[in-house]
C-alpha cells in the first residue's frame, strides 16, 4: 500500500512550481492583470444592465 502510494505520488502528482525570476511573470504583474480583468468584466456587466434598464424605461 505504501509502495503504491509512493509510486502514484511520484508519477502523477506534479511538484509545486516555484517562481523563476527570469522565466516567469512576476506575481505582482499577475495580480494587477487579474484586477484589470475583474474591473473590465464589472464594467461590461454594469453597462449591459444600464442598457437593459434604459430600454425598459424608454420602451
C-alpha atoms as a PDB file:
ATOM      1  CA  UNK A   1       0.000   0.000   0.000  1.00  0.00           C
ATOM      2  CA  UNK A   2       2.766   2.438   0.937  1.00  0.00           C
ATOM      3  CA  UNK A   3       4.742   1.495  -2.180  1.00  0.00           C
ATOM      4  CA  UNK A   4       1.738   2.117  -4.405  1.00  0.00           C
ATOM      5  CA  UNK A   5       1.184   5.493  -2.760  1.00  0.00           C
ATOM      6  CA  UNK A   6       4.810   6.458  -3.284  1.00  0.00           C
ATOM      7  CA  UNK A   7       4.675   5.402  -6.923  1.00  0.00           C
ATOM      8  CA  UNK A   8       1.428   7.318  -7.544  1.00  0.00           C
ATOM      9  CA  UNK A   9       2.596  10.459  -5.832  1.00  0.00           C
ATOM     10  CA  UNK A  10       5.902  10.403  -7.697  1.00  0.00           C
ATOM     11  CA  UNK A  11       4.459   9.827 -11.176  1.00  0.00           C
ATOM     12  CA  UNK A  12       1.042  11.501 -11.202  1.00  0.00           C
ATOM     13  CA  UNK A  13       1.328  14.460  -8.826  1.00  0.00           C
ATOM     14  CA  UNK A  14       3.372  17.395 -10.008  1.00  0.00           C
ATOM     15  CA  UNK A  15       5.584  19.159  -7.548  1.00  0.00           C
ATOM     16  CA  UNK A  16       4.672  22.745  -6.765  1.00  0.00           C
ATOM     17  CA  UNK A  17       6.037  25.103  -9.395  1.00  0.00           C
ATOM     18  CA  UNK A  18       8.385  27.666  -7.937  1.00  0.00           C
ATOM     19  CA  UNK A  19       8.653  31.244  -9.125  1.00  0.00           C
ATOM     20  CA  UNK A  20      11.526  31.624 -11.576  1.00  0.00           C
ATOM     21  CA  UNK A  21      12.547  35.317 -11.874  1.00  0.00           C
ATOM     22  CA  UNK A  22      13.941  35.168 -15.410  1.00  0.00           C
ATOM     23  CA  UNK A  23      11.330  32.848 -16.894  1.00  0.00           C
ATOM     24  CA  UNK A  24       8.030  33.624 -15.153  1.00  0.00           C
ATOM     25  CA  UNK A  25       5.860  36.700 -14.877  1.00  0.00           C
ATOM     26  CA  UNK A  26       6.149  38.412 -11.502  1.00  0.00           C
ATOM     27  CA  UNK A  27       3.246  37.714  -9.105  1.00  0.00           C
ATOM     28  CA  UNK A  28       2.590  41.464  -8.750  1.00  0.00           C
ATOM     29  CA  UNK A  29       2.093  41.726 -12.527  1.00  0.00           C
ATOM     30  CA  UNK A  30      -0.342  38.796 -12.438  1.00  0.00           C
ATOM     31  CA  UNK A  31      -2.290  40.378  -9.582  1.00  0.00           C
ATOM     32  CA  UNK A  32      -2.520  43.665 -11.488  1.00  0.00           C
ATOM     33  CA  UNK A  33      -3.719  41.842 -14.616  1.00  0.00           C
ATOM     34  CA  UNK A  34      -6.336  39.959 -12.577  1.00  0.00           C
ATOM     35  CA  UNK A  35      -7.631  43.218 -11.104  1.00  0.00           C
ATOM     36  CA  UNK A  36      -7.844  44.712 -14.599  1.00  0.00           C
ATOM     37  CA  UNK A  37      -9.795  41.715 -15.918  1.00  0.00           C
ATOM     38  CA  UNK A  38     -12.236  41.892 -12.991  1.00  0.00           C
ATOM     39  CA  UNK A  39     -12.664  45.650 -13.472  1.00  0.00           C
ATOM     40  CA  UNK A  40     -13.361  45.267 -17.211  1.00  0.00           C
ATOM     41  CA  UNK A  41     -15.832  42.422 -16.592  1.00  0.00           C
ATOM     42  CA  UNK A  42     -17.666  44.503 -13.984  1.00  0.00           C
ATOM     43  CA  UNK A  43     -17.768  47.495 -16.351  1.00  0.00           C
ATOM     44  CA  UNK A  44     -19.218  45.365 -19.169  1.00  0.00           C
ATOM     45  CA  UNK A  45     -21.800  43.841 -16.823  1.00  0.00           C
ATOM     46  CA  UNK A  46     -22.899  47.202 -15.472  1.00  0.00           C
ATOM     47  CA  UNK A  47     -23.076  48.666 -18.976  1.00  0.00           C
ATOM     48  CA  UNK A  48     -25.281  45.772 -20.062  1.00  0.00           C
ATOM     49  CA  UNK A  49     -27.590  46.299 -17.091  1.00  0.00           C
ATOM     50  CA  UNK A  50     -27.762  50.039 -17.768  1.00  0.00           C
ATOM     51  CA  UNK A  51     -28.742  49.421 -21.408  1.00  0.00           C
ATOM     52  CA  UNK A  52     -31.423  46.898 -20.391  1.00  0.00           C
ATOM     53  CA  UNK A  53     -32.860  49.284 -17.784  1.00  0.00           C
ATOM     54  CA  UNK A  54     -32.761  52.198 -20.233  1.00  0.00           C
ATOM     55  CA  UNK A  55     -34.630  50.181 -22.856  1.00  0.00           C
ATOM     56  CA  UNK A  56     -37.210  49.094 -20.300  1.00  0.00           C
ATOM     57  CA  UNK A  57     -37.806  52.705 -19.216  1.00  0.00           C
ATOM     58  CA  UNK A  58     -37.971  54.150 -22.730  1.00  0.00           C
ATOM     59  CA  UNK A  59     -39.727  51.302 -24.497  1.00  0.00           C
END
